[in-house]
Amino acid sequence: MKLLHTQGEILLAAADAALINRDIREGKLHLRIVPEFYGETVVSDETFLSSMGMCTIANLVGKHVIGLAVENEYVDSENIIYIDGVPHAQFARIVE
């Protein structure tokens, strides 16, 4: 996982460790899961969920990461897309 502060947002990029350095494709969809974006730091589920609680935007990929996000009500399962069988979701917190 990786946390970035950019343009007034806190961006969390997280992927299942086994997916790092993979390209997934299906039809017109293509996702490169690179450590430069998704990070190289492996964290506990608790650290990931704590980071979800403070981020304003998240880009998530992988069964484990997305499963945690769904279980903890950050992502609705209806908003998950699958690219070559791999789940991908994005999260945005609306701050008023």
Protein backbone atom coordinates (compact mmCIF):
# COMPACT_ATOMS: atom_id res chain seq x y z
CA MET A 1 0.00 0.00 0.00
CA LYS A 2 0.99 3.62 -0.42
CA LEU A 3 -0.42 6.90 0.92
CA LEU A 4 0.10 10.08 -1.07
CA HIS A 5 -0.83 13.67 -0.33
CA THR A 6 -1.76 15.34 -3.61
CA GLN A 7 -3.77 18.44 -4.52
CA GLY A 8 -5.39 18.63 -1.09
CA GLU A 9 -6.38 14.94 -1.14
CA ILE A 10 -5.06 11.91 0.70
CA LEU A 11 -4.79 9.13 -1.86
CA LEU A 12 -4.50 5.52 -0.78
CA ALA A 13 -3.37 3.00 -3.38
CA ALA A 14 -3.51 -0.61 -2.22
CA ALA A 15 -3.23 -3.97 -3.92
CA ASP A 16 -2.90 -7.57 -2.84
CA ALA A 17 0.84 -8.25 -2.64
CA ALA A 18 0.65 -11.11 -5.15
CA LEU A 19 -0.64 -8.69 -7.81
CA ILE A 20 2.29 -6.24 -7.71
CA ASN A 21 4.11 -6.06 -11.06
CA ARG A 22 1.23 -7.63 -12.95
CA ASP A 23 -0.71 -6.30 -15.92
CA ILE A 24 -4.34 -7.32 -16.13
CA ARG A 25 -6.42 -6.87 -19.25
CA GLU A 26 -9.95 -7.56 -20.34
CA GLY A 27 -11.44 -6.02 -23.45
CA LYS A 28 -10.67 -2.29 -23.38
CA LEU A 29 -9.70 -2.37 -19.70
CA HIS A 30 -6.03 -2.50 -18.77
CA LEU A 31 -4.51 -2.04 -15.33
CA ARG A 32 -0.79 -2.03 -14.54
CA ILE A 33 -0.28 -2.86 -10.88
CA VAL A 34 3.13 -1.31 -10.30
CA PRO A 35 4.92 -0.64 -7.01
CA GLU A 36 5.57 2.98 -8.01
CA PHE A 37 1.83 3.63 -7.62
CA TYR A 38 0.55 0.88 -5.31
CA GLY A 39 3.61 0.87 -3.06
CA GLU A 40 5.94 -1.79 -1.82
CA THR A 41 4.98 -1.70 1.85
CA VAL A 42 3.08 -4.74 3.11
CA VAL A 43 0.82 -3.75 6.00
CA SER A 44 -1.55 -5.44 8.42
CA ASP A 45 -5.29 -5.45 7.83
CA GLU A 46 -5.61 -3.02 10.74
CA THR A 47 -3.16 -0.55 9.19
CA PHE A 48 -4.94 -0.78 5.84
CA LEU A 49 -8.32 -0.10 7.47
CA SER A 50 -6.91 2.79 9.50
CA SER A 51 -5.57 4.28 6.25
CA MET A 52 -8.99 3.82 4.60
CA GLY A 53 -10.46 5.80 7.49
CA MET A 54 -8.24 8.80 6.81
CA CYS A 55 -7.95 8.84 3.01
CA THR A 56 -10.20 10.91 0.77
CA ILE A 57 -9.56 8.83 -2.37
CA ALA A 58 -8.59 5.17 -2.71
CA ASN A 59 -7.64 2.99 -5.65
CA LEU A 60 -7.93 -0.67 -4.66
CA VAL A 61 -7.21 -3.94 -6.44
CA GLY A 62 -7.30 -7.56 -5.32
CA LYS A 63 -9.63 -9.95 -3.53
CA HIS A 64 -8.21 -9.43 -0.05
CA VAL A 65 -7.97 -5.63 -0.13
CA ILE A 66 -11.41 -5.20 -1.67
CA GLY A 67 -12.90 -7.80 0.67
CA LEU A 68 -11.73 -5.76 3.66
CA ALA A 69 -13.09 -2.55 2.11
CA VAL A 70 -16.49 -4.16 1.50
CA GLU A 71 -16.67 -5.81 4.95
CA ASN A 72 -15.96 -2.44 6.58
CA GLU A 73 -18.44 -0.56 4.39
CA TYR A 74 -15.97 1.60 2.49
CA VAL A 75 -16.94 0.04 -0.84
CA ASP A 76 -20.31 -1.33 -1.95
CA SER A 77 -19.99 -4.67 -3.73
CA GLU A 78 -22.12 -3.29 -6.59
CA ASN A 79 -19.33 -0.82 -7.38
CA ILE A 80 -16.62 -3.39 -7.99
CA ILE A 81 -15.46 -4.09 -11.52
CA TYR A 82 -13.52 -7.17 -12.55
CA ILE A 83 -10.63 -7.11 -14.97
CA ASP A 84 -9.59 -10.60 -16.01
CA GLY A 85 -11.26 -11.88 -12.82
CA VAL A 86 -9.39 -9.46 -10.53
CA PRO A 87 -11.59 -7.08 -8.50
CA HIS A 88 -10.92 -3.33 -8.75
CA ALA A 89 -12.68 -0.47 -6.99
CA GLN A 90 -12.24 3.21 -6.37
CA PHE A 91 -13.37 5.12 -3.31
CA ALA A 92 -14.01 8.82 -2.81
CA ARG A 93 -15.05 10.49 0.42
CA ILE A 94 -17.23 13.57 0.02
CA VAL A 95 -16.18 16.13 2.59
CA GLU A 96 -18.68 18.89 3.27
